[in-house]
C-alpha atoms as a PDB file:
ATOM      1  CA  MET A   1     -14.384  13.530  12.328  1.00  0.00           C
ATOM      2  CA  THR A   2     -13.970  12.534  16.348  1.00  0.00           C
ATOM      3  CA  LEU A   3     -11.561  10.832  17.621  1.00  0.00           C
ATOM      4  CA  ASN A   4     -13.802   8.031  19.205  1.00  0.00           C
ATOM      5  CA  THR A   5     -15.113   7.636  15.103  1.00  0.00           C
ATOM      6  CA  ARG A   6     -11.752   7.505  13.618  1.00  0.00           C
ATOM      7  CA  ASN A   7     -10.858   4.765  16.489  1.00  0.00           C
ATOM      8  CA  LYS A   8     -13.820   2.652  15.501  1.00  0.00           C
ATOM      9  CA  LEU A   9     -13.142   2.995  11.729  1.00  0.00           C
ATOM     10  CA  LEU A  10      -9.074   1.950  12.143  1.00  0.00           C
ATOM     11  CA  LEU A  11     -10.153  -0.707  14.158  1.00  0.00           C
ATOM     12  CA  PHE A  12     -12.918  -2.068  11.679  1.00  0.00           C
ATOM     13  CA  PHE A  13     -10.517  -1.869   8.858  1.00  0.00           C
ATOM     14  CA  SER A  14      -7.997  -3.923  11.092  1.00  0.00           C
ATOM     15  CA  VAL A  15     -10.292  -6.664  11.980  1.00  0.00           C
ATOM     16  CA  PHE A  16     -11.345  -6.737   8.114  1.00  0.00           C
ATOM     17  CA  SER A  17      -8.025  -6.604   6.983  1.00  0.00           C
ATOM     18  CA  SER A  18      -6.858  -9.549   9.285  1.00  0.00           C
ATOM     19  CA  LEU A  19      -9.840 -11.646   7.729  1.00  0.00           C
ATOM     20  CA  CYS A  20      -8.565 -10.916   3.899  1.00  0.00           C
ATOM     21  CA  THR A  21      -4.605 -11.944   5.114  1.00  0.00           C
ATOM     22  CA  LEU A  22      -6.471 -15.291   6.570  1.00  0.00           C
ATOM     23  CA  ILE A  23      -8.632 -15.826   3.626  1.00  0.00           C
ATOM     24  CA  PHE A  24      -5.262 -15.905   1.539  1.00  0.00           C
ATOM     25  CA  ILE A  25      -2.822 -17.818   4.074  1.00  0.00           C
ATOM     26  CA  THR A  26      -6.532 -20.398   4.379  1.00  0.00           C
ATOM     27  CA  ALA A  27      -6.367 -20.386   0.567  1.00  0.00           C
ATOM     28  CA  LEU A  28      -2.426 -21.008   0.051  1.00  0.00           C
ATOM     29  CA  ILE A  29      -2.491 -23.816   2.356  1.00  0.00           C
ATOM     30  CA  ARG A  30      -5.364 -25.748   1.268  1.00  0.00           C
ATOM     31  CA  ILE A  31      -3.950 -25.594  -2.056  1.00  0.00           C
ATOM     32  CA  LEU A  32       0.039 -26.730  -0.998  1.00  0.00           C
ATOM     33  CA  ILE A  33      -1.659 -29.834   0.624  1.00  0.00           C
ATOM     34  CA  GLN A  34      -4.980 -30.846  -1.214  1.00  0.00           C
ATOM     35  CA  ASN A  35      -3.635 -29.645  -5.284  1.00  0.00           C
ATOM     36  CA  PRO A  36       0.356 -29.003  -4.911  1.00  0.00           C
ATOM     37  CA  GLU A  37       0.186 -29.243  -8.992  1.00  0.00           C
ATOM     38  CA  LYS A  38      -1.338 -25.973  -8.531  1.00  0.00           C
ATOM     39  CA  ALA A  39       0.950 -24.150  -6.614  1.00  0.00           C
ATOM     40  CA  ASP A  40       3.424 -24.623  -8.934  1.00  0.00           C
ATOM     41  CA  PHE A  41       3.841 -20.874  -9.323  1.00  0.00           C
ATOM     42  CA  LEU A  42       5.915 -20.233  -5.965  1.00  0.00           C
ATOM     43  CA  SER A  43       8.697 -22.603  -7.807  1.00  0.00           C
ATOM     44  CA  ASP A  44       8.407 -20.602 -10.896  1.00  0.00           C
ATOM     45  CA  ILE A  45      11.901 -18.714 -11.273  1.00  0.00           C
ATOM     46  CA  PRO A  46      13.257 -18.939 -14.819  1.00  0.00           C
ATOM     47  CA  ALA A  47      16.629 -21.121 -15.067  1.00  0.00           C
ATOM     48  CA  VAL A  48      19.915 -18.560 -14.885  1.00  0.00           C
ATOM     49  CA  ARG A  49      23.472 -18.843 -15.982  1.00  0.00           C
ATOM     50  CA  SER A  50      24.258 -18.326 -12.294  1.00  0.00           C
ATOM     51  CA  PHE A  51      23.059 -18.268  -9.296  1.00  0.00           C
ATOM     52  CA  TRP A  52      23.675 -14.331  -8.689  1.00  0.00           C
ATOM     53  CA  TYR A  53      20.846 -13.597 -11.424  1.00  0.00           C
ATOM     54  CA  ILE A  54      18.232 -14.819  -9.020  1.00  0.00           C
ATOM     55  CA  PRO A  55      17.599 -11.608  -7.170  1.00  0.00           C
ATOM     56  CA  ILE A  56      17.323  -9.400 -10.627  1.00  0.00           C
ATOM     57  CA  ILE A  57      15.564 -11.948 -12.514  1.00  0.00           C
ATOM     58  CA  SER A  58      11.766 -10.964 -13.105  1.00  0.00           C
ATOM     59  CA  ASN A  59       9.967 -14.163 -11.593  1.00  0.00           C
ATOM     60  CA  TYR A  60       6.387 -14.944 -10.419  1.00  0.00           C
ATOM     61  CA  PRO A  61       7.349 -15.727  -6.637  1.00  0.00           C
ATOM     62  CA  ALA A  62       8.694 -12.563  -6.272  1.00  0.00           C
ATOM     63  CA  VAL A  63       5.630 -10.630  -7.502  1.00  0.00           C
ATOM     64  CA  PHE A  64       3.346 -12.656  -5.337  1.00  0.00           C
ATOM     65  CA  LEU A  65       5.412 -12.893  -1.994  1.00  0.00           C
ATOM     66  CA  SER A  66       5.398  -9.277  -2.613  1.00  0.00           C
ATOM     67  CA  ARG A  67       1.286  -8.736  -2.482  1.00  0.00           C
ATOM     68  CA  LEU A  68       1.683 -11.581   0.767  1.00  0.00           C
ATOM     69  CA  PHE A  69       3.854  -8.940   2.186  1.00  0.00           C
ATOM     70  CA  LEU A  70       1.806  -5.978   1.997  1.00  0.00           C
ATOM     71  CA  SER A  71      -1.518  -8.504   3.390  1.00  0.00           C
ATOM     72  CA  LEU A  72       0.661  -8.978   6.384  1.00  0.00           C
ATOM     73  CA  PHE A  73       1.507  -5.331   6.919  1.00  0.00           C
ATOM     74  CA  VAL A  74      -1.349  -3.492   6.408  1.00  0.00           C
ATOM     75  CA  PRO A  75      -2.687  -5.060   9.887  1.00  0.00           C
ATOM     76  CA  VAL A  76       0.217  -4.860  11.265  1.00  0.00           C
ATOM     77  CA  VAL A  77       0.365  -1.208  11.427  1.00  0.00           C
ATOM     78  CA  GLY A  78      -3.329  -1.130  11.487  1.00  0.00           C
ATOM     79  CA  PHE A  79      -3.610  -2.367  14.948  1.00  0.00           C
ATOM     80  CA  ALA A  80      -0.429  -0.610  15.777  1.00  0.00           C
ATOM     81  CA  ILE A  81      -1.601   2.897  14.856  1.00  0.00           C
ATOM     82  CA  TYR A  82      -4.782   1.576  16.978  1.00  0.00           C
ATOM     83  CA  PHE A  83      -3.271   0.643  19.826  1.00  0.00           C
ATOM     84  CA  ASN A  84      -0.695   3.766  20.020  1.00  0.00           C
ATOM     85  CA  PHE A  85      -2.731   6.513  18.855  1.00  0.00           C
ATOM     86  CA  GLU A  86      -6.309   5.634  20.513  1.00  0.00           C
ATOM     87  CA  LYS A  87      -5.641   9.271  22.258  1.00  0.00           C
ATOM     88  CA  THR A  88      -3.920  11.016  19.894  1.00  0.00           C
ATOM     89  CA  GLN A  89      -5.410  13.600  16.895  1.00  0.00           C
ATOM     90  CA  SER A  90      -3.336  13.626  14.319  1.00  0.00           C
ATOM     91  CA  LEU A  91      -4.057  14.359  10.744  1.00  0.00           C
ATOM     92  CA  GLU A  92      -0.543  12.701   9.698  1.00  0.00           C
ATOM     93  CA  VAL A  93      -1.465   9.812  11.156  1.00  0.00           C
ATOM     94  CA  LEU A  94      -5.159   9.823  10.021  1.00  0.00           C
ATOM     95  CA  PHE A  95      -4.107   9.996   5.983  1.00  0.00           C
ATOM     96  CA  PHE A  96      -1.571   7.873   6.377  1.00  0.00           C
ATOM     97  CA  SER A  97      -4.217   4.987   7.384  1.00  0.00           C
ATOM     98  CA  ALA A  98      -5.539   5.814   4.248  1.00  0.00           C
ATOM     99  CA  PHE A  99      -2.550   4.700   2.647  1.00  0.00           C
ATOM    100  CA  LEU A 100      -3.316   1.028   4.212  1.00  0.00           C
ATOM    101  CA  LEU A 101      -7.191   1.204   2.439  1.00  0.00           C
ATOM    102  CA  GLY A 102      -4.780   1.720  -0.623  1.00  0.00           C
ATOM    103  CA  PHE A 103      -2.561  -1.146   0.238  1.00  0.00           C
ATOM    104  CA  LEU A 104      -5.008  -3.531   0.811  1.00  0.00           C
ATOM    105  CA  GLY A 105      -6.832  -2.896  -2.558  1.00  0.00           C
ATOM    106  CA  GLU A 106      -3.663  -4.087  -3.896  1.00  0.00           C
ATOM    107  CA  THR A 107      -3.822  -7.541  -1.527  1.00  0.00           C
ATOM    108  CA  PHE A 108      -6.193  -8.845  -4.043  1.00  0.00           C
ATOM    109  CA  LYS A 109      -4.709  -9.626  -6.630  1.00  0.00           C
ATOM    110  CA  LEU A 110      -3.056 -12.801  -4.936  1.00  0.00           C
ATOM    111  CA  CYS A 111      -6.756 -14.380  -5.499  1.00  0.00           C
ATOM    112  CA  ILE A 112      -5.307 -14.648  -8.720  1.00  0.00           C
ATOM    113  CA  PRO A 113      -3.194 -17.654  -8.719  1.00  0.00           C
ATOM    114  CA  LEU A 114      -4.602 -18.501  -5.383  1.00  0.00           C
ATOM    115  CA  PHE A 115      -7.927 -19.121  -6.919  1.00  0.00           C
ATOM    116  CA  GLY A 116      -7.150 -19.728 -11.021  1.00  0.00           C
ATOM    117  CA  LEU A 117      -7.933 -16.814 -12.613  1.00  0.00           C
ATOM    118  CA  THR A 118      -4.513 -16.541 -14.514  1.00  0.00           C
ATOM    119  CA  ALA A 119      -7.287 -18.105 -17.801  1.00  0.00           C
ATOM    120  CA  GLY A 120      -8.505 -14.644 -18.911  1.00  0.00           C
ATOM    121  CA  TYR A 121     -11.539 -12.646 -18.625  1.00  0.00           C
ATOM    122  CA  SER A 122     -14.286 -13.072 -15.515  1.00  0.00           C
ATOM    123  CA  THR A 123     -16.283 -10.860 -13.458  1.00  0.00           C
ATOM    124  CA  PHE A 124     -14.127 -11.831 -10.242  1.00  0.00           C
ATOM    125  CA  LEU A 125     -10.637 -10.639 -12.262  1.00  0.00           C
ATOM    126  CA  ARG A 126     -12.410  -7.349 -13.190  1.00  0.00           C
ATOM    127  CA  PHE A 127     -13.546  -6.727  -9.739  1.00  0.00           C
ATOM    128  CA  ILE A 128      -9.871  -7.282  -8.605  1.00  0.00           C
ATOM    129  CA  GLY A 129      -8.625  -5.191 -10.939  1.00  0.00           C
ATOM    130  CA  GLN A 130     -10.868  -1.911 -10.139  1.00  0.00           C
ATOM    131  CA  ALA A 131      -9.791  -2.750  -6.310  1.00  0.00           C
ATOM    132  CA  SER A 132      -6.177  -2.947  -7.512  1.00  0.00           C
ATOM    133  CA  PHE A 133      -6.412   0.779  -9.218  1.00  0.00           C
ATOM    134  CA  PHE A 134      -8.922   1.911  -6.276  1.00  0.00           C
ATOM    135  CA  GLY A 135      -5.270   0.828  -3.828  1.00  0.00           C
ATOM    136  CA  GLU A 136      -3.187   2.950  -6.857  1.00  0.00           C
ATOM    137  CA  MET A 137      -5.616   6.184  -6.513  1.00  0.00           C
ATOM    138  CA  GLU A 138      -6.190   5.647  -3.123  1.00  0.00           C
ATOM    139  CA  VAL A 139      -2.740   5.754  -2.522  1.00  0.00           C
ATOM    140  CA  LEU A 140      -1.797   8.724  -5.045  1.00  0.00           C
ATOM    141  CA  LEU A 141      -4.735  10.960  -3.155  1.00  0.00           C
ATOM    142  CA  ALA A 142      -3.930  10.507   0.324  1.00  0.00           C
ATOM    143  CA  ILE A 143      -0.157  11.487  -0.412  1.00  0.00           C
ATOM    144  CA  ILE A 144      -0.946  14.981  -2.318  1.00  0.00           C
ATOM    145  CA  ILE A 145      -3.520  15.087   0.780  1.00  0.00           C
ATOM    146  CA  LEU A 146      -0.878  14.748   3.261  1.00  0.00           C
ATOM    147  CA  ALA A 147       1.039  16.760   1.793  1.00  0.00           C
ATOM    148  CA  ILE A 148      -1.153  20.074   2.149  1.00  0.00           C
ATOM    149  CA  VAL A 149      -2.390  18.672   5.598  1.00  0.00           C
ATOM    150  CA  ALA A 150       1.420  19.139   6.444  1.00  0.00           C
ATOM    151  CA  SER A 151       2.140  22.923   4.846  1.00  0.00           C
ATOM    152  CA  GLY A 152      -0.646  23.588   7.449  1.00  0.00           C
ATOM    153  CA  SER A 153      -3.792  24.536   4.458  1.00  0.00           C
ATOM    154  CA  GLU A 154      -6.901  23.566   5.550  1.00  0.00           C
ATOM    155  CA  ASN A 155      -6.468  21.918   8.694  1.00  0.00           C
ATOM    156  CA  ARG A 156      -9.828  22.519  10.291  1.00  0.00           C
ATOM    157  CA  GLU A 157     -11.324  20.931   7.476  1.00  0.00           C
ATOM    158  CA  ALA A 158      -8.739  18.365   6.498  1.00  0.00           C
ATOM    159  CA  ASP A 159     -10.614  15.021   8.131  1.00  0.00           C
ATOM    160  CA  LYS A 160     -13.074  15.898   5.316  1.00  0.00           C
ATOM    161  CA  TYR A 161     -11.017  15.248   2.716  1.00  0.00           C
ATOM    162  CA  LEU A 162     -10.803  11.812   3.313  1.00  0.00           C
ATOM    163  CA  ASP A 163     -14.092  11.288   2.568  1.00  0.00           C
ATOM    164  CA  LEU A 164     -13.394  12.763  -0.988  1.00  0.00           C
ATOM    165  CA  ILE A 165      -9.807  10.604  -1.173  1.00  0.00           C
ATOM    166  CA  ILE A 166     -12.126   7.417  -0.414  1.00  0.00           C
ATOM    167  CA  VAL A 167     -15.081   8.714  -2.985  1.00  0.00           C
ATOM    168  CA  THR A 168     -12.759   9.608  -6.286  1.00  0.00           C
ATOM    169  CA  ALA A 169     -10.906   6.941  -5.831  1.00  0.00           C
ATOM    170  CA  LEU A 170     -14.012   4.659  -6.048  1.00  0.00           C
ATOM    171  CA  ILE A 171     -14.949   7.003  -9.219  1.00  0.00           C
ATOM    172  CA  PHE A 172     -12.214   6.488 -10.954  1.00  0.00           C
ATOM    173  CA  SER A 173     -11.612   2.789 -10.481  1.00  0.00           C
ATOM    174  CA  THR A 174     -15.233   2.160 -12.207  1.00  0.00           C
ATOM    175  CA  ILE A 175     -14.445   4.325 -15.082  1.00  0.00           C
ATOM    176  CA  ILE A 176     -10.775   3.428 -15.763  1.00  0.00           C
ATOM    177  CA  PRO A 177     -10.623   1.061 -18.605  1.00  0.00           C
ATOM    178  CA  LEU A 178      -8.871  -2.358 -17.704  1.00  0.00           C
ATOM    179  CA  ASN A 179      -6.878  -5.028 -19.711  1.00  0.00           C
ATOM    180  CA  THR A 180      -8.623  -8.068 -18.436  1.00  0.00           C
ATOM    181  CA  SER A 181      -8.011 -10.801 -21.082  1.00  0.00           C
ATOM    182  CA  HIS A 182      -4.748 -11.472 -19.936  1.00  0.00           C
ATOM    183  CA  ILE A 183      -2.535 -10.829 -16.972  1.00  0.00           C
ATOM    184  CA  LYS A 184       0.622  -8.972 -17.773  1.00  0.00           C
ATOM    185  CA  ASP A 185       3.724  -9.142 -15.962  1.00  0.00           C
ATOM    186  CA  TYR A 186       2.472 -12.349 -13.583  1.00  0.00           C
ATOM    187  CA  MET A 187      -0.249 -10.670 -11.366  1.00  0.00           C
ATOM    188  CA  HIS A 188      -0.244  -7.175 -12.947  1.00  0.00           C
ATOM    189  CA  ILE A 189      -3.598  -6.248 -14.483  1.00  0.00           C
ATOM    190  CA  GLU A 190      -3.153  -3.638 -17.316  1.00  0.00           C
ATOM    191  CA  PHE A 191      -5.024   0.153 -16.959  1.00  0.00           C
ATOM    192  CA  GLY A 192      -4.771   3.239 -19.073  1.00  0.00           C
ATOM    193  CA  LEU A 193      -2.762   6.138 -18.142  1.00  0.00           C
ATOM    194  CA  LYS A 194      -0.194   3.495 -15.913  1.00  0.00           C
ATOM    195  CA  PRO A 195       2.630   5.586 -17.343  1.00  0.00           C
ATOM    196  CA  LEU A 196       1.334   8.737 -16.193  1.00  0.00           C
ATOM    197  CA  LEU A 197       0.167   7.488 -12.678  1.00  0.00           C
ATOM    198  CA  ALA A 198       3.743   6.146 -11.955  1.00  0.00           C
ATOM    199  CA  ALA A 199       5.281   9.710 -12.925  1.00  0.00           C
ATOM    200  CA  ILE A 200       2.389  11.678 -10.728  1.00  0.00           C
ATOM    201  CA  ARG A 201       3.121   9.306  -8.056  1.00  0.00           C
ATOM    202  CA  ILE A 202       6.480  10.224  -7.655  1.00  0.00           C
ATOM    203  CA  ILE A 203       5.747  13.899  -8.168  1.00  0.00           C
ATOM    204  CA  PHE A 204       3.251  13.887  -5.247  1.00  0.00           C
ATOM    205  CA  GLY A 205       6.109  11.813  -3.345  1.00  0.00           C
ATOM    206  CA  ILE A 206       8.311  14.023  -3.734  1.00  0.00           C
ATOM    207  CA  THR A 207       5.737  16.848  -3.221  1.00  0.00           C
ATOM    208  CA  ALA A 208       4.790  15.659  -0.207  1.00  0.00           C
ATOM    209  CA  PHE A 209       8.326  15.288   1.599  1.00  0.00           C
ATOM    210  CA  ALA A 210       9.206  18.566   0.851  1.00  0.00           C
ATOM    211  CA  ALA A 211       6.064  19.689   2.517  1.00  0.00           C
ATOM    212  CA  LEU A 212       6.698  17.960   5.458  1.00  0.00           C
ATOM    213  CA  PHE A 213      10.661  18.630   5.900  1.00  0.00           C
ATOM    214  CA  PHE A 214       9.595  22.405   5.539  1.00  0.00           C
ATOM    215  CA  SER A 215       6.532  21.915   8.366  1.00  0.00           C
ATOM    216  CA  ALA A 216       9.034  21.012  10.166  1.00  0.00           C
ATOM    217  CA  GLN A 217      11.295  24.106   9.934  1.00  0.00           C
ATOM    218  CA  SER A 218       8.121  25.971  11.081  1.00  0.00           C
ATOM    219  CA  ARG A 219       7.362  23.590  14.011  1.00  0.00           C
ATOM    220  CA  GLU A 220      10.881  23.938  14.794  1.00  0.00           C
ATOM    221  CA  SER A 221      10.598  19.792  15.882  1.00  0.00           C
ATOM    222  CA  SER A 222      13.598  17.413  14.808  1.00  0.00           C
ATOM    223  CA  ASN A 223      10.980  14.551  15.312  1.00  0.00           C
ATOM    224  CA  TYR A 224       8.533  15.993  12.548  1.00  0.00           C
ATOM    225  CA  LYS A 225      11.703  16.498  10.391  1.00  0.00           C
ATOM    226  CA  ASN A 226      12.845  12.930  10.667  1.00  0.00           C
ATOM    227  CA  ALA A 227       9.159  11.883  10.163  1.00  0.00           C
ATOM    228  CA  SER A 228       9.929  13.650   6.574  1.00  0.00           C
ATOM    229  CA  PHE A 229      13.084  11.552   5.623  1.00  0.00           C
ATOM    230  CA  ASN A 230      10.796   8.781   6.811  1.00  0.00           C
ATOM    231  CA  PHE A 231       8.120   9.241   4.423  1.00  0.00           C
ATOM    232  CA  LEU A 232      10.459   9.087   1.689  1.00  0.00           C
ATOM    233  CA  PHE A 233      11.301   6.060   2.631  1.00  0.00           C
ATOM    234  CA  ILE A 234       7.923   4.904   2.954  1.00  0.00           C
ATOM    235  CA  CYS A 235       6.944   6.245  -0.883  1.00  0.00           C
ATOM    236  CA  ILE A 236      10.192   4.412  -2.222  1.00  0.00           C
ATOM    237  CA  GLY A 237       9.495   0.990  -0.812  1.00  0.00           C
ATOM    238  CA  TYR A 238       5.861   1.285  -1.440  1.00  0.00           C
ATOM    239  CA  ILE A 239       7.003   2.368  -5.721  1.00  0.00           C
ATOM    240  CA  LEU A 240       9.476  -0.631  -5.350  1.00  0.00           C
ATOM    241  CA  ILE A 241       6.836  -3.021  -3.407  1.00  0.00           C
ATOM    242  CA  LEU A 242       4.297  -2.074  -6.062  1.00  0.00           C
ATOM    243  CA  GLU A 243       6.224  -2.649  -9.332  1.00  0.00           C
ATOM    244  CA  CYS A 244       8.190  -5.417  -8.008  1.00  0.00           C
ATOM    245  CA  LEU A 245       9.166  -7.936 -10.428  1.00  0.00           C
ATOM    246  CA  ASN A 246      11.881 -10.072  -8.708  1.00  0.00           C
ATOM    247  CA  PHE A 247      12.895 -10.488  -4.998  1.00  0.00           C
ATOM    248  CA  ALA A 248      15.750  -7.314  -4.986  1.00  0.00           C
ATOM    249  CA  PHE A 249      12.729  -4.977  -5.176  1.00  0.00           C
ATOM    250  CA  LEU A 250      10.983  -7.285  -2.736  1.00  0.00           C
ATOM    251  CA  VAL A 251      13.442  -7.218  -0.291  1.00  0.00           C
ATOM    252  CA  ILE A 252      14.692  -3.359  -0.392  1.00  0.00           C
ATOM    253  CA  GLY A 253      11.459  -2.312  -0.982  1.00  0.00           C
ATOM    254  CA  GLY A 254       9.901  -4.310   1.848  1.00  0.00           C
ATOM    255  CA  ILE A 255      12.830  -3.102   3.943  1.00  0.00           C
ATOM    256  CA  LEU A 256      12.069   0.437   3.246  1.00  0.00           C
ATOM    257  CA  LEU A 257       8.321  -0.036   3.905  1.00  0.00           C
ATOM    258  CA  SER A 258       8.691  -1.397   7.263  1.00  0.00           C
ATOM    259  CA  THR A 259      11.207   0.666   8.671  1.00  0.00           C
ATOM    260  CA  GLY A 260      10.139   4.109   7.308  1.00  0.00           C
ATOM    261  CA  THR A 261       6.473   3.366   8.576  1.00  0.00           C
ATOM    262  CA  LEU A 262       8.341   1.933  11.927  1.00  0.00           C
ATOM    263  CA  ARG A 263       9.740   4.938  11.796  1.00  0.00           C
ATOM    264  CA  PHE A 264       7.631   7.356  10.973  1.00  0.00           C
ATOM    265  CA  LEU A 265       4.928   6.336  13.516  1.00  0.00           C
ATOM    266  CA  LYS A 266       6.921   6.734  16.294  1.00  0.00           C
ATOM    267  CA  ASN A 267       8.270  10.062  15.797  1.00  0.00           C
ATOM    268  CA  MET A 268       4.944  11.660  14.848  1.00  0.00           C
ATOM    269  CA  HIS A 269       4.001   9.645  18.599  1.00  0.00           C
ATOM    270  CA  CYS A 270       6.974  11.676  19.886  1.00  0.00           C
ATOM    271  CA  TYR A 271       5.598  14.508  17.973  1.00  0.00           C
ATOM    272  CA  TYR A 272       2.623  14.619  19.611  1.00  0.00           C
ATOM    273  CA  MET A 273       3.240  13.545  22.836  1.00  0.00           C
ATOM    274  CA  TRP A 274       5.717  16.856  23.505  1.00  0.00           C
ATOM    275  CA  LYS A 275       3.298  19.066  21.530  1.00  0.00           C
END
């Protein structure tokens, strides 16, 4: 993939994700103004014995805000990559961009409360479940491909793996069994093999961190080494946001994902600038 092609795709993606975010926010504002009774999910916090239980108790607002955070995170980071790496050919950043596509798939869960889809099965709800699973598979595959790229394997053809990631995630998202008859754990849609995918996600994240870390030793780059730890924080933050059911996961996951991304991109920019 040429640098020009990558930039055009990234710009298109950033604009598209911005439009999605605008739709979500517009729908939320419309509900708050026209039908405030339908926005009760924003205050649906179970009664607790003490204020100090609020950060750790499962509640709908935390889940909703975690997906709203992702919807804002994706276009902001997309444009940041576009403007800061416009003239830099970086495979690590290319596959990190694939992460953003996976994050975007998860944000479609915002449609469940915003468009009143909690009643049960519908074609739109099935699409949301497929988009969410596509996002999880996209991130999962991007993590392991990033590990391969970092290890130096198949670097010449590495960018072609991006097509493979997208196609594979699409195929699995269409064949995975989804249970859309009810919404479990607030905005979470059940699908098969979820515990297995959760375990694989952790293993792949650790593998990618190790690949980046040991690759930094051979490259003799402190920036690349720092980026490996930043990437580990990104993976932890993503998992916390993905599994978010309370404010503690929302805050910790949001901080790790944001600061990890900022430092990862900064270190990668410094590495390629001095390479």
